[in-house]
N, C-alpha and C. Protein backbone atom coordinates (compact mmCIF):
# COMPACT_ATOMS: atom_id res chain seq x y z
N UNK A 1 54.81 159.27 127.25
CA UNK A 1 54.30 157.93 127.17
C UNK A 1 55.46 156.98 127.42
N UNK A 2 55.18 155.96 128.20
CA UNK A 2 56.20 154.96 128.50
C UNK A 2 55.88 153.66 127.76
N UNK A 3 56.94 152.99 127.35
CA UNK A 3 56.81 151.65 126.80
C UNK A 3 57.47 150.72 127.80
N UNK A 4 56.78 149.65 128.18
CA UNK A 4 57.30 148.76 129.20
C UNK A 4 56.79 147.35 128.96
N UNK A 5 57.26 146.42 129.76
CA UNK A 5 56.77 145.05 129.72
C UNK A 5 55.91 144.82 130.95
N UNK A 6 54.69 144.38 130.74
CA UNK A 6 53.79 144.02 131.83
C UNK A 6 54.01 142.54 132.13
N UNK A 7 54.22 142.21 133.37
CA UNK A 7 54.47 140.84 133.80
C UNK A 7 55.63 140.21 133.02
N UNK A 8 56.57 141.04 132.64
CA UNK A 8 57.80 140.64 131.96
C UNK A 8 57.60 139.96 130.60
N UNK A 9 56.39 140.11 130.00
CA UNK A 9 56.20 139.49 128.69
C UNK A 9 55.26 140.23 127.75
N UNK A 10 54.44 141.17 128.25
CA UNK A 10 53.49 141.88 127.39
C UNK A 10 53.97 143.30 127.13
N UNK A 11 54.34 143.62 125.89
CA UNK A 11 54.81 144.98 125.59
C UNK A 11 53.61 145.95 125.56
N UNK A 12 53.61 146.88 126.50
CA UNK A 12 52.50 147.82 126.57
C UNK A 12 53.01 149.26 126.55
N UNK A 13 52.12 150.14 126.16
CA UNK A 13 52.35 151.58 126.19
C UNK A 13 51.43 152.16 127.26
N UNK A 14 51.95 153.09 128.05
CA UNK A 14 51.18 153.69 129.14
C UNK A 14 51.39 155.20 129.13
N UNK A 15 50.29 155.91 129.25
CA UNK A 15 50.36 157.36 129.45
C UNK A 15 49.61 157.66 130.74
N UNK A 16 50.33 158.24 131.70
CA UNK A 16 49.69 158.72 132.92
C UNK A 16 49.50 160.21 132.74
N UNK A 17 48.27 160.64 132.85
CA UNK A 17 47.89 162.00 132.49
C UNK A 17 47.18 162.66 133.66
N UNK A 18 47.82 163.69 134.22
CA UNK A 18 47.18 164.45 135.29
C UNK A 18 45.93 165.11 134.73
N UNK A 19 44.91 165.23 135.54
CA UNK A 19 43.65 165.82 135.06
C UNK A 19 43.85 167.26 134.58
N UNK A 20 44.81 167.96 135.15
CA UNK A 20 45.09 169.33 134.72
C UNK A 20 45.77 169.38 133.36
N UNK A 21 46.28 168.26 132.88
CA UNK A 21 47.01 168.20 131.61
C UNK A 21 46.10 167.92 130.41
N UNK A 22 44.81 167.75 130.65
CA UNK A 22 43.90 167.40 129.57
C UNK A 22 42.58 168.15 129.72
N UNK A 23 41.89 168.32 128.62
CA UNK A 23 40.58 168.95 128.66
C UNK A 23 39.47 167.91 128.87
N UNK A 24 39.83 166.64 128.90
CA UNK A 24 38.86 165.58 129.10
C UNK A 24 38.64 165.39 130.61
N UNK A 25 37.37 165.33 131.01
CA UNK A 25 37.07 165.31 132.43
C UNK A 25 36.75 163.95 133.03
N UNK A 26 36.58 162.93 132.17
CA UNK A 26 36.19 161.63 132.69
C UNK A 26 36.64 160.51 131.76
N UNK A 27 36.55 159.30 132.27
CA UNK A 27 36.84 158.12 131.45
C UNK A 27 35.89 158.09 130.25
N UNK A 28 34.62 158.39 130.49
CA UNK A 28 33.64 158.38 129.39
C UNK A 28 34.01 159.38 128.31
N UNK A 29 34.50 160.56 128.69
CA UNK A 29 34.92 161.57 127.72
C UNK A 29 36.07 161.05 126.87
N UNK A 30 37.03 160.40 127.52
CA UNK A 30 38.20 159.89 126.79
C UNK A 30 37.81 158.74 125.88
N UNK A 31 36.95 157.85 126.36
CA UNK A 31 36.48 156.74 125.52
C UNK A 31 35.71 157.27 124.31
N UNK A 32 34.90 158.31 124.51
CA UNK A 32 34.17 158.92 123.39
C UNK A 32 35.15 159.51 122.37
N UNK A 33 36.23 160.11 122.85
CA UNK A 33 37.28 160.63 121.96
C UNK A 33 37.89 159.50 121.13
N UNK A 34 38.26 158.40 121.78
CA UNK A 34 38.83 157.26 121.04
C UNK A 34 37.81 156.68 120.06
N UNK A 35 36.54 156.64 120.46
CA UNK A 35 35.48 156.14 119.57
C UNK A 35 35.47 156.97 118.28
N UNK A 36 35.54 158.29 118.41
CA UNK A 36 35.55 159.17 117.24
C UNK A 36 36.77 158.89 116.37
N UNK A 37 37.92 158.67 116.99
CA UNK A 37 39.15 158.38 116.23
C UNK A 37 39.01 157.07 115.46
N UNK A 38 38.48 156.05 116.10
CA UNK A 38 38.29 154.76 115.43
C UNK A 38 37.28 154.90 114.29
N UNK A 39 36.15 155.53 114.56
CA UNK A 39 35.10 155.64 113.56
C UNK A 39 35.50 156.50 112.37
N UNK A 40 36.44 157.43 112.56
CA UNK A 40 36.87 158.27 111.44
C UNK A 40 38.11 157.71 110.73
N UNK A 41 38.66 156.62 111.24
CA UNK A 41 39.83 155.99 110.62
C UNK A 41 39.40 155.31 109.32
N UNK A 42 40.25 155.32 108.29
CA UNK A 42 39.83 154.76 106.99
C UNK A 42 39.46 153.28 106.99
N UNK A 43 40.04 152.48 107.88
CA UNK A 43 39.67 151.06 107.85
C UNK A 43 39.52 150.42 109.23
N UNK A 44 39.71 151.16 110.29
CA UNK A 44 39.47 150.60 111.62
C UNK A 44 37.97 150.44 111.83
N UNK A 45 37.58 149.46 112.61
CA UNK A 45 36.17 149.23 112.90
C UNK A 45 35.99 149.11 114.41
N UNK A 46 34.98 149.78 114.91
CA UNK A 46 34.66 149.73 116.33
C UNK A 46 33.95 148.42 116.64
N UNK A 47 34.37 147.77 117.69
CA UNK A 47 33.71 146.53 118.13
C UNK A 47 32.82 146.83 119.33
N UNK A 48 33.31 147.63 120.25
CA UNK A 48 32.48 147.96 121.41
C UNK A 48 33.27 148.59 122.53
N UNK A 49 32.56 148.78 123.61
CA UNK A 49 33.15 149.31 124.83
C UNK A 49 32.86 148.32 125.95
N UNK A 50 33.78 148.24 126.88
CA UNK A 50 33.63 147.34 128.01
C UNK A 50 33.89 148.11 129.29
N UNK A 51 32.91 148.13 130.18
CA UNK A 51 33.06 148.78 131.47
C UNK A 51 33.68 147.78 132.44
N UNK A 52 35.00 147.77 132.48
CA UNK A 52 35.71 146.79 133.31
C UNK A 52 35.44 147.04 134.79
N UNK A 53 35.40 148.30 135.19
CA UNK A 53 35.14 148.63 136.58
C UNK A 53 33.75 148.14 136.99
N UNK A 54 32.75 148.46 136.16
CA UNK A 54 31.38 148.04 136.46
C UNK A 54 31.25 146.53 136.56
N UNK A 55 31.86 145.83 135.63
CA UNK A 55 31.81 144.36 135.63
C UNK A 55 32.46 143.80 136.89
N UNK A 56 33.67 144.25 137.18
CA UNK A 56 34.42 143.70 138.31
C UNK A 56 33.74 144.04 139.64
N UNK A 57 33.18 145.25 139.74
CA UNK A 57 32.55 145.65 141.00
C UNK A 57 31.30 144.83 141.31
N UNK A 58 30.66 144.24 140.29
CA UNK A 58 29.46 143.42 140.51
C UNK A 58 29.77 141.97 140.88
N UNK A 59 30.99 141.56 140.67
CA UNK A 59 31.35 140.17 140.99
C UNK A 59 31.54 140.00 142.50
N UNK A 60 30.96 138.95 143.08
CA UNK A 60 31.15 138.74 144.53
C UNK A 60 32.62 138.64 144.92
N UNK A 61 33.42 138.06 144.05
CA UNK A 61 34.85 137.92 144.34
C UNK A 61 35.69 138.98 143.63
N UNK A 62 35.03 139.97 143.02
CA UNK A 62 35.73 141.01 142.27
C UNK A 62 36.60 141.88 143.17
N UNK A 63 37.77 142.23 142.66
CA UNK A 63 38.70 143.08 143.40
C UNK A 63 39.16 144.21 142.49
N UNK A 64 39.17 145.41 143.02
CA UNK A 64 39.60 146.59 142.27
C UNK A 64 40.70 147.26 143.06
N UNK A 65 41.79 147.60 142.36
CA UNK A 65 42.94 148.20 143.01
C UNK A 65 42.62 149.54 143.66
N UNK A 66 43.33 149.82 144.72
CA UNK A 66 43.13 151.06 145.47
C UNK A 66 43.32 152.28 144.57
N UNK A 67 42.39 153.20 144.66
CA UNK A 67 42.49 154.44 143.90
C UNK A 67 41.81 154.41 142.55
N UNK A 68 41.46 153.24 142.03
CA UNK A 68 40.79 153.16 140.72
C UNK A 68 39.31 153.49 140.93
N UNK A 69 38.83 154.52 140.25
CA UNK A 69 37.43 154.94 140.41
C UNK A 69 36.59 154.67 139.16
N UNK A 70 37.23 154.40 138.04
CA UNK A 70 36.53 154.05 136.79
C UNK A 70 37.54 153.38 135.87
N UNK A 71 37.07 152.46 135.04
CA UNK A 71 37.97 151.78 134.09
C UNK A 71 37.15 151.18 132.96
N UNK A 72 37.47 151.60 131.73
CA UNK A 72 36.79 151.08 130.54
C UNK A 72 37.81 150.76 129.46
N UNK A 73 37.41 149.86 128.58
CA UNK A 73 38.17 149.54 127.38
C UNK A 73 37.34 149.89 126.17
N UNK A 74 38.00 150.43 125.15
CA UNK A 74 37.38 150.57 123.84
C UNK A 74 38.04 149.51 122.97
N UNK A 75 37.24 148.71 122.29
CA UNK A 75 37.72 147.56 121.53
C UNK A 75 37.44 147.80 120.04
N UNK A 76 38.46 147.60 119.22
CA UNK A 76 38.35 147.88 117.80
C UNK A 76 39.38 147.05 117.05
N UNK A 77 39.34 147.08 115.71
CA UNK A 77 40.29 146.32 114.93
C UNK A 77 40.75 147.14 113.72
N UNK A 78 42.06 147.09 113.48
CA UNK A 78 42.65 147.71 112.31
C UNK A 78 42.80 146.71 111.17
N UNK A 79 42.45 145.45 111.38
CA UNK A 79 42.77 144.36 110.48
C UNK A 79 42.29 144.48 109.04
N UNK A 80 43.09 145.11 108.19
CA UNK A 80 42.72 145.18 106.77
C UNK A 80 43.34 144.02 105.99
N UNK A 81 44.14 143.22 106.66
CA UNK A 81 44.73 142.03 106.04
C UNK A 81 44.61 140.86 107.02
N UNK A 82 44.42 139.69 106.48
CA UNK A 82 44.42 138.49 107.30
C UNK A 82 45.19 137.42 106.51
N UNK A 83 46.50 137.54 106.53
CA UNK A 83 47.36 136.68 105.73
C UNK A 83 47.75 135.39 106.46
N UNK A 84 47.53 135.38 107.77
CA UNK A 84 47.95 134.25 108.57
C UNK A 84 46.93 134.08 109.70
N UNK A 85 46.37 132.89 109.89
CA UNK A 85 45.37 132.72 110.94
C UNK A 85 45.91 132.96 112.34
N UNK A 86 47.22 132.90 112.51
CA UNK A 86 47.83 133.14 113.83
C UNK A 86 47.64 134.60 114.26
N UNK A 87 47.43 135.50 113.30
CA UNK A 87 47.24 136.91 113.63
C UNK A 87 45.98 137.14 114.47
N UNK A 88 45.03 136.21 114.38
CA UNK A 88 43.83 136.33 115.19
C UNK A 88 44.14 136.34 116.69
N UNK A 89 45.25 135.75 117.06
CA UNK A 89 45.64 135.70 118.48
C UNK A 89 45.98 137.08 119.04
N UNK A 90 46.36 138.03 118.18
CA UNK A 90 46.75 139.35 118.66
C UNK A 90 45.74 140.43 118.24
N UNK A 91 44.59 140.01 117.80
CA UNK A 91 43.52 140.94 117.43
C UNK A 91 42.30 140.64 118.27
N UNK A 92 41.44 141.55 118.49
CA UNK A 92 41.44 142.95 118.10
C UNK A 92 42.29 143.80 119.04
N UNK A 93 42.31 145.09 118.82
CA UNK A 93 43.02 146.06 119.65
C UNK A 93 42.10 146.53 120.77
N UNK A 94 42.69 146.98 121.83
CA UNK A 94 41.94 147.55 122.94
C UNK A 94 42.78 148.65 123.57
N UNK A 95 42.15 149.75 123.90
CA UNK A 95 42.80 150.80 124.67
C UNK A 95 42.05 150.90 125.99
N UNK A 96 42.78 150.80 127.08
CA UNK A 96 42.19 150.89 128.41
C UNK A 96 42.33 152.30 128.96
N UNK A 97 41.27 152.76 129.62
CA UNK A 97 41.28 154.08 130.23
C UNK A 97 40.81 153.92 131.68
N UNK A 98 41.69 154.29 132.60
CA UNK A 98 41.35 154.20 134.02
C UNK A 98 41.45 155.58 134.65
N UNK A 99 40.54 155.82 135.58
CA UNK A 99 40.61 157.06 136.36
C UNK A 99 41.07 156.69 137.76
N UNK A 100 42.05 157.45 138.22
CA UNK A 100 42.59 157.26 139.56
C UNK A 100 42.52 158.61 140.25
N UNK A 101 42.89 158.66 141.48
CA UNK A 101 42.87 159.93 142.22
C UNK A 101 43.73 160.96 141.51
N UNK A 102 43.10 161.93 140.88
CA UNK A 102 43.83 163.04 140.27
C UNK A 102 44.41 162.81 138.89
N UNK A 103 44.31 161.61 138.35
CA UNK A 103 44.87 161.38 137.02
C UNK A 103 44.19 160.23 136.29
N UNK A 104 44.50 160.15 134.99
CA UNK A 104 44.04 159.06 134.15
C UNK A 104 45.23 158.21 133.76
N UNK A 105 45.00 156.93 133.53
CA UNK A 105 46.01 156.02 133.02
C UNK A 105 45.44 155.40 131.75
N UNK A 106 46.13 155.66 130.64
CA UNK A 106 45.71 155.12 129.34
C UNK A 106 46.75 154.09 128.93
N UNK A 107 46.29 152.90 128.53
CA UNK A 107 47.25 151.84 128.20
C UNK A 107 46.75 151.00 127.04
N UNK A 108 47.71 150.46 126.31
CA UNK A 108 47.37 149.52 125.24
C UNK A 108 48.55 148.60 124.97
N UNK A 109 48.23 147.41 124.48
CA UNK A 109 49.22 146.41 124.11
C UNK A 109 49.83 146.81 122.77
N UNK A 110 51.13 146.66 122.64
CA UNK A 110 51.80 146.98 121.38
C UNK A 110 51.19 146.15 120.25
N UNK A 111 50.88 146.81 119.15
CA UNK A 111 50.31 146.12 118.00
C UNK A 111 51.42 145.55 117.12
N UNK A 112 51.19 144.41 116.47
CA UNK A 112 52.21 143.87 115.57
C UNK A 112 52.36 144.70 114.30
N UNK A 113 51.36 145.51 113.99
CA UNK A 113 51.41 146.37 112.81
C UNK A 113 51.93 147.75 113.22
N UNK A 114 53.10 148.17 112.74
CA UNK A 114 53.67 149.46 113.15
C UNK A 114 52.74 150.65 112.87
N UNK A 115 52.00 150.62 111.77
CA UNK A 115 51.10 151.74 111.46
C UNK A 115 49.95 151.81 112.46
N UNK A 116 49.41 150.68 112.85
CA UNK A 116 48.34 150.65 113.85
C UNK A 116 48.86 151.16 115.18
N UNK A 117 50.05 150.72 115.53
CA UNK A 117 50.65 151.17 116.79
C UNK A 117 50.89 152.68 116.77
N UNK A 118 51.35 153.19 115.65
CA UNK A 118 51.60 154.62 115.52
C UNK A 118 50.30 155.41 115.67
N UNK A 119 49.21 154.91 115.10
CA UNK A 119 47.92 155.57 115.25
C UNK A 119 47.50 155.62 116.71
N UNK A 120 47.63 154.51 117.42
CA UNK A 120 47.22 154.49 118.83
C UNK A 120 48.10 155.42 119.67
N UNK A 121 49.38 155.46 119.37
CA UNK A 121 50.27 156.39 120.07
C UNK A 121 49.86 157.83 119.82
N UNK A 122 49.63 158.16 118.55
CA UNK A 122 49.24 159.52 118.18
C UNK A 122 47.93 159.93 118.86
N UNK A 123 46.94 159.06 118.82
CA UNK A 123 45.65 159.36 119.45
C UNK A 123 45.83 159.59 120.95
N UNK A 124 46.62 158.74 121.58
CA UNK A 124 46.80 158.83 123.03
C UNK A 124 47.56 160.09 123.41
N UNK A 125 48.64 160.38 122.72
CA UNK A 125 49.42 161.57 123.04
C UNK A 125 48.64 162.86 122.82
N UNK A 126 47.68 162.83 121.90
CA UNK A 126 46.88 164.02 121.62
C UNK A 126 45.91 164.35 122.76
N UNK A 127 45.75 163.45 123.72
CA UNK A 127 44.91 163.74 124.88
C UNK A 127 45.51 164.84 125.76
N UNK A 128 46.81 164.98 125.66
CA UNK A 128 47.52 165.96 126.49
C UNK A 128 47.39 167.34 125.86
N UNK A 129 46.95 168.30 126.66
CA UNK A 129 46.84 169.67 126.17
C UNK A 129 48.20 170.22 125.83
N UNK A 130 48.28 171.01 124.75
CA UNK A 130 49.56 171.64 124.44
C UNK A 130 49.96 172.61 125.55
N UNK A 131 51.25 172.72 125.77
CA UNK A 131 51.77 173.62 126.81
C UNK A 131 51.68 175.04 126.27
N UNK A 132 51.09 175.92 127.06
CA UNK A 132 50.97 177.33 126.66
C UNK A 132 52.30 178.03 126.84
N UNK A 133 52.58 178.98 125.94
CA UNK A 133 53.83 179.73 126.01
C UNK A 133 53.71 180.90 126.94
């Protein structure tokens, strides 16, 4: 998994996963996996799913990058505290899952809460099949 800055200001995490490296066969399979992780978390709450590819492809002026064949977001919130109204600006969380030729790209914005970020990292890295000996 890589940590980088998108557009030189958004700290994001990205995992590019070859299809042979995972037992998940589609964007829908991966989103269902994340849904289960969110729903089984002690205080995270699922908000919904967004078919970004479907939405963009229906727009007359919609543009989709070359090689992207599917793209969805799962939207949820870890917010068990709301001590400052400014925190609303960085909530809720979203994990994006895109399918490209031969691989998946999973990405999410760094969370201000280290525990939430650690959960998203753990969930994402678990998509990769263990290497056989």
